[in-house]
């Protein structure tokens, strides 16, 4: 019976790869609960997280109170960077809360764990993050000055042509370029560190002309049928 149970467990792990996000690590009882779970599931990938902290820090960043890089322990405030930093000063209550987050979460665990959960999930599913950019020299896209703004996950071994089809739709691709403007073959595959930054050039007007031509042919056939019907 134990052999059947082990086979069933292995089958489930293969069919449904799982990452445990052990949330609320800022809670006073977190250490005790985390230890129990990790002892019960020693072969399971576990990531310690504080989703509430991540949401709070991103909100403070959007409001202009802090500089924060998701996935890291680094948080800078007005007091850290000085009056010329462009950040807003915080009142004592907010300042104490940020310091508490630094001590209880960021410095202790290295991050809020939210980005790490996504990274582990992608690794479990054998997915490769592919960054599609408009300018291969600056790595910017069609959404302003931000670099690597657009990222899509693809199964390892996916062809460049499949990536193009998923991102660009049914258009005619003139060429694909990688880092440094190097030409990439459409039947090449994407892997971590290889063909995972791509820029696609579309043949201008070709697909529109083809659609117009097909539309014209279709209209001609319709008119012909109508003429015959009238006779």
C-alpha atoms as a PDB file:
ATOM      1  CA  UNK A   1       0.000   0.000   0.000  1.00  0.00           C
ATOM      2  CA  UNK A   2       2.880   2.348   0.805  1.00  0.00           C
ATOM      3  CA  UNK A   3       4.333   1.754  -2.666  1.00  0.00           C
ATOM      4  CA  UNK A   4       1.021   2.711  -4.274  1.00  0.00           C
ATOM      5  CA  UNK A   5       0.851   5.818  -2.090  1.00  0.00           C
ATOM      6  CA  UNK A   6       4.386   6.820  -3.082  1.00  0.00           C
ATOM      7  CA  UNK A   7       3.584   6.303  -6.775  1.00  0.00           C
ATOM      8  CA  UNK A   8       0.459   8.424  -6.434  1.00  0.00           C
ATOM      9  CA  UNK A   9       2.421  11.187  -4.699  1.00  0.00           C
ATOM     10  CA  UNK A  10       5.099  11.161  -7.388  1.00  0.00           C
ATOM     11  CA  UNK A  11       2.440  11.290 -10.104  1.00  0.00           C
ATOM     12  CA  UNK A  12       0.818  14.301  -8.433  1.00  0.00           C
ATOM     13  CA  UNK A  13       4.154  16.104  -8.128  1.00  0.00           C
ATOM     14  CA  UNK A  14       4.830  15.615 -11.831  1.00  0.00           C
ATOM     15  CA  UNK A  15       1.316  16.536 -12.952  1.00  0.00           C
ATOM     16  CA  UNK A  16       0.824  19.412 -10.504  1.00  0.00           C
ATOM     17  CA  UNK A  17       4.202  20.901  -9.539  1.00  0.00           C
ATOM     18  CA  UNK A  18       3.666  23.013  -6.435  1.00  0.00           C
ATOM     19  CA  UNK A  19       5.384  25.863  -4.632  1.00  0.00           C
ATOM     20  CA  UNK A  20       4.238  26.634  -1.096  1.00  0.00           C
ATOM     21  CA  UNK A  21       4.046  30.358  -0.326  1.00  0.00           C
ATOM     22  CA  UNK A  22       4.286  30.541   3.461  1.00  0.00           C
ATOM     23  CA  UNK A  23       2.676  33.932   3.932  1.00  0.00           C
ATOM     24  CA  UNK A  24       2.477  36.353   6.883  1.00  0.00           C
ATOM     25  CA  UNK A  25       6.100  35.897   7.947  1.00  0.00           C
ATOM     26  CA  UNK A  26       5.781  39.179   9.831  1.00  0.00           C
ATOM     27  CA  UNK A  27       3.326  37.532  12.245  1.00  0.00           C
ATOM     28  CA  UNK A  28       4.645  36.773  15.775  1.00  0.00           C
ATOM     29  CA  UNK A  29       3.881  33.035  15.428  1.00  0.00           C
ATOM     30  CA  UNK A  30       5.439  32.752  11.975  1.00  0.00           C
ATOM     31  CA  UNK A  31       8.627  30.918  13.029  1.00  0.00           C
ATOM     32  CA  UNK A  32       6.726  28.171  14.819  1.00  0.00           C
ATOM     33  CA  UNK A  33       4.231  27.629  12.004  1.00  0.00           C
ATOM     34  CA  UNK A  34       6.882  27.728   9.264  1.00  0.00           C
ATOM     35  CA  UNK A  35       8.948  25.085  11.068  1.00  0.00           C
ATOM     36  CA  UNK A  36       5.938  22.755  11.366  1.00  0.00           C
ATOM     37  CA  UNK A  37       5.056  23.047   7.678  1.00  0.00           C
ATOM     38  CA  UNK A  38       8.609  22.581   6.439  1.00  0.00           C
ATOM     39  CA  UNK A  39       9.060  19.505   8.644  1.00  0.00           C
ATOM     40  CA  UNK A  40       5.809  18.042   7.339  1.00  0.00           C
ATOM     41  CA  UNK A  41       6.707  18.693   3.679  1.00  0.00           C
ATOM     42  CA  UNK A  42      10.492  18.379   3.521  1.00  0.00           C
ATOM     43  CA  UNK A  43      10.595  17.770  -0.259  1.00  0.00           C
ATOM     44  CA  UNK A  44       8.274  20.646  -1.101  1.00  0.00           C
ATOM     45  CA  UNK A  45       9.640  23.960  -2.363  1.00  0.00           C
ATOM     46  CA  UNK A  46       8.708  26.568   0.242  1.00  0.00           C
ATOM     47  CA  UNK A  47       9.117  30.336   0.014  1.00  0.00           C
ATOM     48  CA  UNK A  48       8.605  32.661   2.969  1.00  0.00           C
ATOM     49  CA  UNK A  49       6.452  35.634   2.010  1.00  0.00           C
ATOM     50  CA  UNK A  50       4.667  38.713   3.285  1.00  0.00           C
ATOM     51  CA  UNK A  51       2.222  39.763   0.567  1.00  0.00           C
ATOM     52  CA  UNK A  52       0.767  42.556   2.696  1.00  0.00           C
ATOM     53  CA  UNK A  53       4.226  44.086   3.118  1.00  0.00           C
ATOM     54  CA  UNK A  54       4.859  43.904  -0.639  1.00  0.00           C
ATOM     55  CA  UNK A  55       1.579  45.676  -1.413  1.00  0.00           C
ATOM     56  CA  UNK A  56       2.286  48.327   1.242  1.00  0.00           C
ATOM     57  CA  UNK A  57       5.810  49.045  -0.038  1.00  0.00           C
ATOM     58  CA  UNK A  58       4.659  49.322  -3.647  1.00  0.00           C
ATOM     59  CA  UNK A  59       1.914  51.703  -2.571  1.00  0.00           C
ATOM     60  CA  UNK A  60       4.424  53.890  -0.711  1.00  0.00           C
ATOM     61  CA  UNK A  61       6.654  53.885  -3.785  1.00  0.00           C
ATOM     62  CA  UNK A  62       3.774  54.951  -6.039  1.00  0.00           C
ATOM     63  CA  UNK A  63       2.912  57.735  -3.597  1.00  0.00           C
ATOM     64  CA  UNK A  64       6.500  59.018  -3.661  1.00  0.00           C
ATOM     65  CA  UNK A  65       7.532  58.197  -0.089  1.00  0.00           C
ATOM     66  CA  UNK A  66      10.207  55.565  -0.769  1.00  0.00           C
ATOM     67  CA  UNK A  67      12.506  54.090  -3.377  1.00  0.00           C
ATOM     68  CA  UNK A  68      11.947  50.332  -3.477  1.00  0.00           C
ATOM     69  CA  UNK A  69      13.104  47.592  -5.815  1.00  0.00           C
ATOM     70  CA  UNK A  70      10.718  44.580  -5.608  1.00  0.00           C
ATOM     71  CA  UNK A  71      12.478  41.331  -4.791  1.00  0.00           C
ATOM     72  CA  UNK A  72      15.201  43.025  -2.718  1.00  0.00           C
ATOM     73  CA  UNK A  73      15.693  44.248   0.835  1.00  0.00           C
ATOM     74  CA  UNK A  74      16.509  47.793  -0.212  1.00  0.00           C
ATOM     75  CA  UNK A  75      14.174  50.615   0.827  1.00  0.00           C
ATOM     76  CA  UNK A  76      15.337  54.238   0.793  1.00  0.00           C
ATOM     77  CA  UNK A  77      13.452  57.150   2.349  1.00  0.00           C
ATOM     78  CA  UNK A  78      13.724  60.930   2.418  1.00  0.00           C
ATOM     79  CA  UNK A  79      15.889  60.662   5.543  1.00  0.00           C
ATOM     80  CA  UNK A  80      18.238  58.217   3.804  1.00  0.00           C
ATOM     81  CA  UNK A  81      18.728  60.138   0.563  1.00  0.00           C
ATOM     82  CA  UNK A  82      18.387  63.775   1.610  1.00  0.00           C
ATOM     83  CA  UNK A  83      16.210  66.744   0.580  1.00  0.00           C
ATOM     84  CA  UNK A  84      17.213  66.618  -3.106  1.00  0.00           C
ATOM     85  CA  UNK A  85      16.027  63.036  -3.655  1.00  0.00           C
ATOM     86  CA  UNK A  86      12.516  63.988  -4.752  1.00  0.00           C
ATOM     87  CA  UNK A  87      10.833  61.830  -2.084  1.00  0.00           C
ATOM     88  CA  UNK A  88       8.214  63.061   0.365  1.00  0.00           C
ATOM     89  CA  UNK A  89       9.070  63.251   4.092  1.00  0.00           C
ATOM     90  CA  UNK A  90       7.151  60.761   6.244  1.00  0.00           C
ATOM     91  CA  UNK A  91       5.354  61.479   9.500  1.00  0.00           C
ATOM     92  CA  UNK A  92       6.611  59.656  12.641  1.00  0.00           C
ATOM     93  CA  UNK A  93       3.920  56.938  12.471  1.00  0.00           C
ATOM     94  CA  UNK A  94       4.690  56.028   8.869  1.00  0.00           C
ATOM     95  CA  UNK A  95       8.429  56.228   9.515  1.00  0.00           C
ATOM     96  CA  UNK A  96       8.132  53.771  12.437  1.00  0.00           C
ATOM     97  CA  UNK A  97       6.125  51.360  10.313  1.00  0.00           C
ATOM     98  CA  UNK A  98       8.751  51.366   7.550  1.00  0.00           C
ATOM     99  CA  UNK A  99      11.504  50.762  10.109  1.00  0.00           C
ATOM    100  CA  UNK A 100       9.507  47.857  11.544  1.00  0.00           C
ATOM    101  CA  UNK A 101       9.172  46.346   8.051  1.00  0.00           C
ATOM    102  CA  UNK A 102      12.908  46.678   7.551  1.00  0.00           C
ATOM    103  CA  UNK A 103      13.695  44.899  10.817  1.00  0.00           C
ATOM    104  CA  UNK A 104      11.003  42.187  10.828  1.00  0.00           C
ATOM    105  CA  UNK A 105      10.861  41.313   7.125  1.00  0.00           C
ATOM    106  CA  UNK A 106      13.445  42.808   4.782  1.00  0.00           C
ATOM    107  CA  UNK A 107      16.652  42.530   6.819  1.00  0.00           C
ATOM    108  CA  UNK A 108      15.586  39.242   8.368  1.00  0.00           C
ATOM    109  CA  UNK A 109      14.422  37.375   5.251  1.00  0.00           C
ATOM    110  CA  UNK A 110      16.110  39.354   2.473  1.00  0.00           C
ATOM    111  CA  UNK A 111      12.845  40.383   0.764  1.00  0.00           C
ATOM    112  CA  UNK A 112       9.068  40.061   1.026  1.00  0.00           C
ATOM    113  CA  UNK A 113       9.355  36.795  -0.923  1.00  0.00           C
ATOM    114  CA  UNK A 114       6.638  37.668  -3.479  1.00  0.00           C
ATOM    115  CA  UNK A 115       9.008  37.940  -6.446  1.00  0.00           C
ATOM    116  CA  UNK A 116      10.808  34.796  -5.316  1.00  0.00           C
ATOM    117  CA  UNK A 117       7.532  32.821  -5.344  1.00  0.00           C
ATOM    118  CA  UNK A 118       6.954  33.775  -8.975  1.00  0.00           C
ATOM    119  CA  UNK A 119      10.532  32.848  -9.850  1.00  0.00           C
ATOM    120  CA  UNK A 120      10.211  29.443  -8.207  1.00  0.00           C
ATOM    121  CA  UNK A 121       6.875  28.787  -9.938  1.00  0.00           C
ATOM    122  CA  UNK A 122       8.424  29.581 -13.323  1.00  0.00           C
ATOM    123  CA  UNK A 123      11.347  27.289 -12.517  1.00  0.00           C
ATOM    124  CA  UNK A 124       9.009  24.447 -11.511  1.00  0.00           C
ATOM    125  CA  UNK A 125       7.093  24.734 -14.769  1.00  0.00           C
ATOM    126  CA  UNK A 126      10.335  24.996 -16.765  1.00  0.00           C
ATOM    127  CA  UNK A 127       9.310  28.382 -18.143  1.00  0.00           C
ATOM    128  CA  UNK A 128      11.674  30.889 -19.698  1.00  0.00           C
ATOM    129  CA  UNK A 129      10.994  34.631 -19.328  1.00  0.00           C
ATOM    130  CA  UNK A 130      11.324  36.227 -22.770  1.00  0.00           C
ATOM    131  CA  UNK A 131      11.647  40.000 -23.019  1.00  0.00           C
ATOM    132  CA  UNK A 132      10.330  41.497 -26.243  1.00  0.00           C
ATOM    133  CA  UNK A 133      11.605  45.007 -26.917  1.00  0.00           C
ATOM    134  CA  UNK A 134      11.143  47.555 -29.663  1.00  0.00           C
ATOM    135  CA  UNK A 135      14.695  48.912 -29.460  1.00  0.00           C
ATOM    136  CA  UNK A 136      17.298  46.151 -29.098  1.00  0.00           C
ATOM    137  CA  UNK A 137      20.015  48.694 -28.242  1.00  0.00           C
ATOM    138  CA  UNK A 138      18.248  50.364 -25.304  1.00  0.00           C
ATOM    139  CA  UNK A 139      15.917  47.437 -24.426  1.00  0.00           C
ATOM    140  CA  UNK A 140      12.926  49.766 -24.291  1.00  0.00           C
ATOM    141  CA  UNK A 141       9.498  48.854 -25.581  1.00  0.00           C
ATOM    142  CA  UNK A 142       6.448  50.672 -26.793  1.00  0.00           C
ATOM    143  CA  UNK A 143       5.496  51.939 -23.333  1.00  0.00           C
ATOM    144  CA  UNK A 144       7.927  54.764 -22.639  1.00  0.00           C
ATOM    145  CA  UNK A 145      11.483  54.771 -21.373  1.00  0.00           C
ATOM    146  CA  UNK A 146      11.314  51.702 -19.104  1.00  0.00           C
ATOM    147  CA  UNK A 147      13.609  48.818 -19.997  1.00  0.00           C
ATOM    148  CA  UNK A 148      12.384  45.209 -20.187  1.00  0.00           C
ATOM    149  CA  UNK A 149       8.827  46.392 -19.636  1.00  0.00           C
ATOM    150  CA  UNK A 150       7.228  43.489 -21.506  1.00  0.00           C
ATOM    151  CA  UNK A 151       7.922  39.940 -20.347  1.00  0.00           C
ATOM    152  CA  UNK A 152       6.173  36.723 -21.386  1.00  0.00           C
ATOM    153  CA  UNK A 153       6.772  33.212 -20.068  1.00  0.00           C
ATOM    154  CA  UNK A 154       7.331  30.432 -22.590  1.00  0.00           C
ATOM    155  CA  UNK A 155       8.062  26.738 -22.216  1.00  0.00           C
ATOM    156  CA  UNK A 156      11.741  25.933 -22.585  1.00  0.00           C
ATOM    157  CA  UNK A 157      12.418  24.831 -26.149  1.00  0.00           C
ATOM    158  CA  UNK A 158       9.813  27.129 -27.722  1.00  0.00           C
ATOM    159  CA  UNK A 159      10.882  28.348 -31.162  1.00  0.00           C
ATOM    160  CA  UNK A 160      11.469  32.018 -31.923  1.00  0.00           C
ATOM    161  CA  UNK A 161       8.739  31.845 -34.568  1.00  0.00           C
ATOM    162  CA  UNK A 162       6.249  30.611 -31.937  1.00  0.00           C
ATOM    163  CA  UNK A 163       7.231  33.500 -29.672  1.00  0.00           C
ATOM    164  CA  UNK A 164       6.686  35.924 -32.562  1.00  0.00           C
ATOM    165  CA  UNK A 165       3.269  34.438 -33.320  1.00  0.00           C
ATOM    166  CA  UNK A 166       2.203  34.636 -29.667  1.00  0.00           C
ATOM    167  CA  UNK A 167       3.352  38.247 -29.293  1.00  0.00           C
ATOM    168  CA  UNK A 168       2.723  39.743 -32.738  1.00  0.00           C
ATOM    169  CA  UNK A 169      -0.177  37.663 -33.996  1.00  0.00           C
ATOM    170  CA  UNK A 170      -0.583  36.508 -37.596  1.00  0.00           C
ATOM    171  CA  UNK A 171       1.746  38.987 -39.267  1.00  0.00           C
ATOM    172  CA  UNK A 172       4.707  38.501 -41.590  1.00  0.00           C
ATOM    173  CA  UNK A 173       7.973  38.802 -39.666  1.00  0.00           C
ATOM    174  CA  UNK A 174      10.835  40.291 -41.646  1.00  0.00           C
ATOM    175  CA  UNK A 175      13.501  39.452 -39.063  1.00  0.00           C
ATOM    176  CA  UNK A 176      14.219  38.757 -35.407  1.00  0.00           C
ATOM    177  CA  UNK A 177      17.128  40.313 -33.549  1.00  0.00           C
ATOM    178  CA  UNK A 178      18.813  39.428 -30.275  1.00  0.00           C
ATOM    179  CA  UNK A 179      21.220  41.288 -27.993  1.00  0.00           C
ATOM    180  CA  UNK A 180      23.608  43.520 -29.924  1.00  0.00           C
ATOM    181  CA  UNK A 181      21.374  43.451 -32.997  1.00  0.00           C
ATOM    182  CA  UNK A 182      22.441  39.904 -33.845  1.00  0.00           C
ATOM    183  CA  UNK A 183      20.086  38.206 -36.307  1.00  0.00           C
ATOM    184  CA  UNK A 184      18.215  35.245 -34.816  1.00  0.00           C
ATOM    185  CA  UNK A 185      16.844  32.382 -36.902  1.00  0.00           C
ATOM    186  CA  UNK A 186      13.087  31.847 -36.624  1.00  0.00           C
ATOM    187  CA  UNK A 187      13.566  28.123 -35.984  1.00  0.00           C
ATOM    188  CA  UNK A 188      16.012  28.753 -33.146  1.00  0.00           C
ATOM    189  CA  UNK A 189      14.779  28.106 -29.604  1.00  0.00           C
ATOM    190  CA  UNK A 190      14.576  30.259 -26.468  1.00  0.00           C
ATOM    191  CA  UNK A 191      16.501  29.324 -23.343  1.00  0.00           C
ATOM    192  CA  UNK A 192      17.641  31.210 -20.239  1.00  0.00           C
ATOM    193  CA  UNK A 193      20.430  33.503 -21.423  1.00  0.00           C
ATOM    194  CA  UNK A 194      19.892  32.583 -25.088  1.00  0.00           C
ATOM    195  CA  UNK A 195      17.345  34.278 -27.356  1.00  0.00           C
ATOM    196  CA  UNK A 196      15.439  35.499 -24.296  1.00  0.00           C
ATOM    197  CA  UNK A 197      15.663  39.155 -25.384  1.00  0.00           C
ATOM    198  CA  UNK A 198      14.095  39.634 -28.811  1.00  0.00           C
ATOM    199  CA  UNK A 199      13.020  42.375 -31.165  1.00  0.00           C
ATOM    200  CA  UNK A 200      10.808  41.571 -34.160  1.00  0.00           C
ATOM    201  CA  UNK A 201      10.637  43.532 -37.383  1.00  0.00           C
ATOM    202  CA  UNK A 202       7.394  43.271 -39.344  1.00  0.00           C
ATOM    203  CA  UNK A 203       7.130  43.475 -43.142  1.00  0.00           C
ATOM    204  CA  UNK A 204       5.311  46.821 -43.613  1.00  0.00           C
ATOM    205  CA  UNK A 205       1.997  46.716 -45.412  1.00  0.00           C
ATOM    206  CA  UNK A 206       2.304  43.168 -46.771  1.00  0.00           C
ATOM    207  CA  UNK A 207      -0.408  41.620 -44.635  1.00  0.00           C
ATOM    208  CA  UNK A 208      -2.737  44.603 -45.072  1.00  0.00           C
ATOM    209  CA  UNK A 209      -2.311  44.420 -48.843  1.00  0.00           C
ATOM    210  CA  UNK A 210      -3.037  40.707 -48.791  1.00  0.00           C
ATOM    211  CA  UNK A 211      -6.209  41.268 -46.768  1.00  0.00           C
ATOM    212  CA  UNK A 212      -7.342  44.033 -49.121  1.00  0.00           C
ATOM    213  CA  UNK A 213      -6.712  41.772 -52.121  1.00  0.00           C
ATOM    214  CA  UNK A 214      -8.691  38.934 -50.556  1.00  0.00           C
ATOM    215  CA  UNK A 215     -11.456  41.372 -49.692  1.00  0.00           C
ATOM    216  CA  UNK A 216     -11.574  42.637 -53.276  1.00  0.00           C
ATOM    217  CA  UNK A 217     -11.793  39.090 -54.615  1.00  0.00           C
ATOM    218  CA  UNK A 218     -14.574  38.306 -52.174  1.00  0.00           C
ATOM    219  CA  UNK A 219     -16.529  41.380 -53.229  1.00  0.00           C
ATOM    220  CA  UNK A 220     -16.114  40.390 -56.886  1.00  0.00           C
ATOM    221  CA  UNK A 221     -17.568  36.950 -56.258  1.00  0.00           C
ATOM    222  CA  UNK A 222     -20.524  38.409 -54.386  1.00  0.00           C
ATOM    223  CA  UNK A 223     -21.333  40.852 -57.160  1.00  0.00           C
ATOM    224  CA  UNK A 224     -21.133  38.045 -59.735  1.00  0.00           C
ATOM    225  CA  UNK A 225     -23.616  35.944 -57.836  1.00  0.00           C
ATOM    226  CA  UNK A 226     -25.983  38.881 -57.465  1.00  0.00           C
ATOM    227  CA  UNK A 227     -25.819  39.581 -61.197  1.00  0.00           C
ATOM    228  CA  UNK A 228     -26.641  35.983 -62.071  1.00  0.00           C
ATOM    229  CA  UNK A 229     -29.523  35.982 -59.618  1.00  0.00           C
ATOM    230  CA  UNK A 230     -30.998  39.067 -61.211  1.00  0.00           C
ATOM    231  CA  UNK A 231     -30.915  37.426 -64.642  1.00  0.00           C
END
